[in-house]
Amino acid sequence: MKVQINPGKTVEGKPLRVFNPVRREFFPGGEFELSDQDLRNPEIRRLLPPVSDGGISGGVFGDLVVVADAAPAKKAKE
């Protein structure tokens, strides 16, 4: 699943940094992939938003948000 740190959240005017509880380091800035193993871990799942906010089951905080894939460009008719 492609995610990014929630750009709408800040701490004292600075961009939010989210700590990976499994790897004991901060998640990278920009878009990155969460593996299937990551998504099975409840400590990581709770960093995602809840289902009611467009997230996943087990999501709580919304510190990480799912990145929507861009729609494929339509071909121009000739």
N, C-alpha and C. Protein backbone atom coordinates (compact mmCIF):
# COMPACT_ATOMS: atom_id res chain seq x y z
N MET A 1 0.85 -1.18 0.00
CA MET A 1 0.00 0.00 0.00
C MET A 1 0.89 1.24 0.00
N LYS A 2 0.61 2.15 -0.91
CA LYS A 2 1.39 3.38 -0.99
C LYS A 2 0.79 4.41 -0.03
N VAL A 3 1.64 4.96 0.84
CA VAL A 3 1.19 5.94 1.84
C VAL A 3 2.18 7.10 1.90
N GLN A 4 1.79 8.12 2.65
CA GLN A 4 2.68 9.23 2.95
C GLN A 4 2.29 9.77 4.31
N ILE A 5 3.19 10.52 4.92
CA ILE A 5 2.87 11.17 6.18
C ILE A 5 1.81 12.22 5.90
N ASN A 6 0.82 12.31 6.75
CA ASN A 6 -0.31 13.21 6.56
C ASN A 6 0.17 14.66 6.42
N PRO A 7 0.04 15.24 5.21
CA PRO A 7 0.51 16.62 5.01
C PRO A 7 -0.34 17.66 5.74
N GLY A 8 -1.52 17.26 6.20
CA GLY A 8 -2.40 18.19 6.91
C GLY A 8 -2.10 18.32 8.39
N LYS A 9 -1.20 17.51 8.89
CA LYS A 9 -0.86 17.57 10.31
C LYS A 9 0.50 18.22 10.51
N THR A 10 0.56 19.12 11.48
CA THR A 10 1.82 19.78 11.81
C THR A 10 2.00 19.78 13.33
N VAL A 11 3.23 19.99 13.75
CA VAL A 11 3.54 20.11 15.17
C VAL A 11 4.28 21.42 15.34
N GLU A 12 3.65 22.37 16.01
CA GLU A 12 4.23 23.70 16.21
C GLU A 12 4.68 24.33 14.89
N GLY A 13 3.84 24.14 13.87
CA GLY A 13 4.10 24.73 12.56
C GLY A 13 5.10 23.96 11.70
N LYS A 14 5.63 22.87 12.20
CA LYS A 14 6.60 22.06 11.45
C LYS A 14 5.91 20.80 10.95
N PRO A 15 6.36 20.25 9.81
CA PRO A 15 5.76 19.02 9.30
C PRO A 15 5.87 17.88 10.32
N LEU A 16 4.85 17.06 10.35
CA LEU A 16 4.81 15.93 11.26
C LEU A 16 5.86 14.90 10.87
N ARG A 17 6.54 14.33 11.84
CA ARG A 17 7.45 13.20 11.63
C ARG A 17 6.85 12.02 12.37
N VAL A 18 6.79 10.88 11.69
CA VAL A 18 6.15 9.70 12.27
C VAL A 18 7.20 8.61 12.47
N PHE A 19 7.24 8.08 13.67
CA PHE A 19 8.21 7.06 14.05
C PHE A 19 7.68 5.68 13.73
N ASN A 20 8.49 4.86 13.06
CA ASN A 20 8.13 3.48 12.77
C ASN A 20 8.42 2.65 14.02
N PRO A 21 7.38 2.13 14.69
CA PRO A 21 7.59 1.42 15.94
C PRO A 21 8.29 0.07 15.77
N VAL A 22 8.33 -0.45 14.56
CA VAL A 22 8.96 -1.75 14.32
C VAL A 22 10.45 -1.59 14.01
N ARG A 23 10.76 -0.69 13.10
CA ARG A 23 12.15 -0.50 12.69
C ARG A 23 12.92 0.48 13.57
N ARG A 24 12.21 1.16 14.46
CA ARG A 24 12.83 2.12 15.39
C ARG A 24 13.54 3.25 14.65
N GLU A 25 12.88 3.77 13.62
CA GLU A 25 13.38 4.93 12.87
C GLU A 25 12.19 5.68 12.31
N PHE A 26 12.41 6.90 11.85
CA PHE A 26 11.31 7.68 11.29
C PHE A 26 10.97 7.18 9.89
N PHE A 27 9.68 7.25 9.57
CA PHE A 27 9.26 6.96 8.20
C PHE A 27 9.84 8.04 7.30
N PRO A 28 10.13 7.71 6.03
CA PRO A 28 10.69 8.71 5.12
C PRO A 28 9.66 9.77 4.73
N GLY A 29 10.12 10.92 4.27
CA GLY A 29 9.23 11.93 3.74
C GLY A 29 8.77 11.51 2.36
N GLY A 30 7.70 12.07 1.88
CA GLY A 30 7.19 11.73 0.56
C GLY A 30 6.42 10.41 0.59
N GLU A 31 6.18 9.86 -0.58
CA GLU A 31 5.42 8.62 -0.71
C GLU A 31 6.34 7.42 -0.49
N PHE A 32 5.79 6.39 0.14
CA PHE A 32 6.54 5.15 0.33
C PHE A 32 5.55 4.00 0.47
N GLU A 33 6.06 2.79 0.34
CA GLU A 33 5.23 1.59 0.39
C GLU A 33 5.26 0.96 1.78
N LEU A 34 4.10 0.53 2.24
CA LEU A 34 4.01 -0.32 3.43
C LEU A 34 3.83 -1.75 2.92
N SER A 35 4.65 -2.66 3.39
CA SER A 35 4.57 -4.05 2.96
C SER A 35 3.35 -4.73 3.58
N ASP A 36 3.03 -5.92 3.07
CA ASP A 36 1.93 -6.70 3.64
C ASP A 36 2.23 -7.02 5.10
N GLN A 37 3.50 -7.28 5.39
CA GLN A 37 3.91 -7.57 6.77
C GLN A 37 3.66 -6.35 7.66
N ASP A 38 3.99 -5.15 7.15
CA ASP A 38 3.73 -3.92 7.91
C ASP A 38 2.24 -3.78 8.19
N LEU A 39 1.41 -4.06 7.19
CA LEU A 39 -0.04 -3.87 7.33
C LEU A 39 -0.68 -4.89 8.27
N ARG A 40 0.00 -5.99 8.52
CA ARG A 40 -0.51 -6.97 9.48
C ARG A 40 -0.14 -6.60 10.92
N ASN A 41 0.75 -5.64 11.09
CA ASN A 41 1.21 -5.26 12.41
C ASN A 41 0.28 -4.19 12.99
N PRO A 42 -0.37 -4.46 14.12
CA PRO A 42 -1.32 -3.50 14.69
C PRO A 42 -0.67 -2.17 15.11
N GLU A 43 0.62 -2.19 15.46
CA GLU A 43 1.30 -0.94 15.84
C GLU A 43 1.42 0.00 14.65
N ILE A 44 1.56 -0.55 13.45
CA ILE A 44 1.65 0.28 12.25
C ILE A 44 0.26 0.60 11.73
N ARG A 45 -0.66 -0.36 11.76
CA ARG A 45 -2.04 -0.13 11.28
C ARG A 45 -2.70 1.04 11.99
N ARG A 46 -2.45 1.19 13.29
CA ARG A 46 -3.11 2.26 14.03
C ARG A 46 -2.61 3.64 13.64
N LEU A 47 -1.49 3.73 12.90
CA LEU A 47 -1.01 5.01 12.39
C LEU A 47 -1.83 5.50 11.20
N LEU A 48 -2.59 4.59 10.58
CA LEU A 48 -3.44 4.94 9.44
C LEU A 48 -4.79 5.45 9.96
N PRO A 49 -5.55 6.14 9.10
CA PRO A 49 -6.86 6.63 9.55
C PRO A 49 -7.87 5.48 9.69
N PRO A 50 -8.92 5.69 10.49
CA PRO A 50 -9.96 4.67 10.62
C PRO A 50 -10.79 4.56 9.34
N VAL A 51 -11.55 3.49 9.24
CA VAL A 51 -12.40 3.26 8.07
C VAL A 51 -13.33 4.43 7.83
N SER A 52 -13.85 5.03 8.89
CA SER A 52 -14.79 6.15 8.75
C SER A 52 -14.16 7.37 8.08
N ASP A 53 -12.84 7.44 8.10
CA ASP A 53 -12.12 8.56 7.46
C ASP A 53 -11.41 8.11 6.19
N GLY A 54 -11.85 6.99 5.60
CA GLY A 54 -11.26 6.51 4.35
C GLY A 54 -10.02 5.67 4.56
N GLY A 55 -9.81 5.18 5.78
CA GLY A 55 -8.63 4.38 6.08
C GLY A 55 -8.92 2.89 6.05
N ILE A 56 -8.31 2.17 6.99
CA ILE A 56 -8.45 0.73 7.03
C ILE A 56 -8.90 0.28 8.42
N SER A 57 -9.35 -0.96 8.49
CA SER A 57 -9.74 -1.54 9.77
C SER A 57 -8.52 -1.56 10.68
N GLY A 58 -8.68 -1.08 11.89
CA GLY A 58 -7.57 -1.01 12.83
C GLY A 58 -6.87 0.33 12.81
N GLY A 59 -7.22 1.18 11.85
CA GLY A 59 -6.64 2.52 11.78
C GLY A 59 -7.20 3.39 12.89
N VAL A 60 -6.36 4.30 13.44
CA VAL A 60 -6.81 5.14 14.54
C VAL A 60 -6.41 6.60 14.34
N PHE A 61 -5.13 6.85 14.17
CA PHE A 61 -4.61 8.21 14.28
C PHE A 61 -4.61 9.03 12.99
N GLY A 62 -4.39 8.41 11.84
CA GLY A 62 -4.33 9.16 10.59
C GLY A 62 -3.03 9.91 10.39
N ASP A 63 -1.96 9.48 11.08
CA ASP A 63 -0.66 10.12 10.87
C ASP A 63 -0.09 9.76 9.50
N LEU A 64 -0.45 8.57 9.00
CA LEU A 64 -0.11 8.15 7.65
C LEU A 64 -1.40 8.11 6.85
N VAL A 65 -1.36 8.55 5.61
CA VAL A 65 -2.56 8.51 4.76
C VAL A 65 -2.25 7.77 3.47
N VAL A 66 -3.26 7.10 2.96
CA VAL A 66 -3.13 6.34 1.72
C VAL A 66 -3.02 7.32 0.55
N VAL A 67 -2.10 7.03 -0.35
CA VAL A 67 -1.92 7.85 -1.56
C VAL A 67 -2.76 7.22 -2.66
N ALA A 68 -3.66 8.00 -3.21
CA ALA A 68 -4.51 7.51 -4.30
C ALA A 68 -3.69 7.46 -5.58
N ASP A 69 -3.81 6.36 -6.30
CA ASP A 69 -3.11 6.25 -7.58
C ASP A 69 -3.74 7.21 -8.57
N ALA A 70 -2.89 7.84 -9.37
CA ALA A 70 -3.37 8.77 -10.38
C ALA A 70 -4.12 7.99 -11.46
N ALA A 71 -5.20 8.57 -11.95
CA ALA A 71 -5.96 7.93 -13.02
C ALA A 71 -5.12 7.95 -14.30
N PRO A 72 -5.16 6.87 -15.06
CA PRO A 72 -4.38 6.85 -16.30
C PRO A 72 -4.86 7.92 -17.27
N ALA A 73 -3.94 8.53 -17.96
CA ALA A 73 -4.27 9.60 -18.91
C ALA A 73 -5.03 8.99 -20.09
N LYS A 74 -6.02 9.71 -20.56
CA LYS A 74 -6.80 9.25 -21.71
C LYS A 74 -6.05 9.62 -22.98
N LYS A 75 -6.11 8.72 -23.93
CA LYS A 75 -5.45 8.96 -25.22
C LYS A 75 -6.32 9.92 -26.03
N ALA A 76 -5.64 10.84 -26.70
CA ALA A 76 -6.36 11.79 -27.56
C ALA A 76 -6.82 11.06 -28.82
N LYS A 77 -8.02 11.40 -29.25
CA LYS A 77 -8.53 10.80 -30.49
C LYS A 77 -7.85 11.44 -31.68
N GLU A 78 -7.56 10.63 -32.65
CA GLU A 78 -6.88 11.16 -33.86
C GLU A 78 -7.87 11.40 -34.97
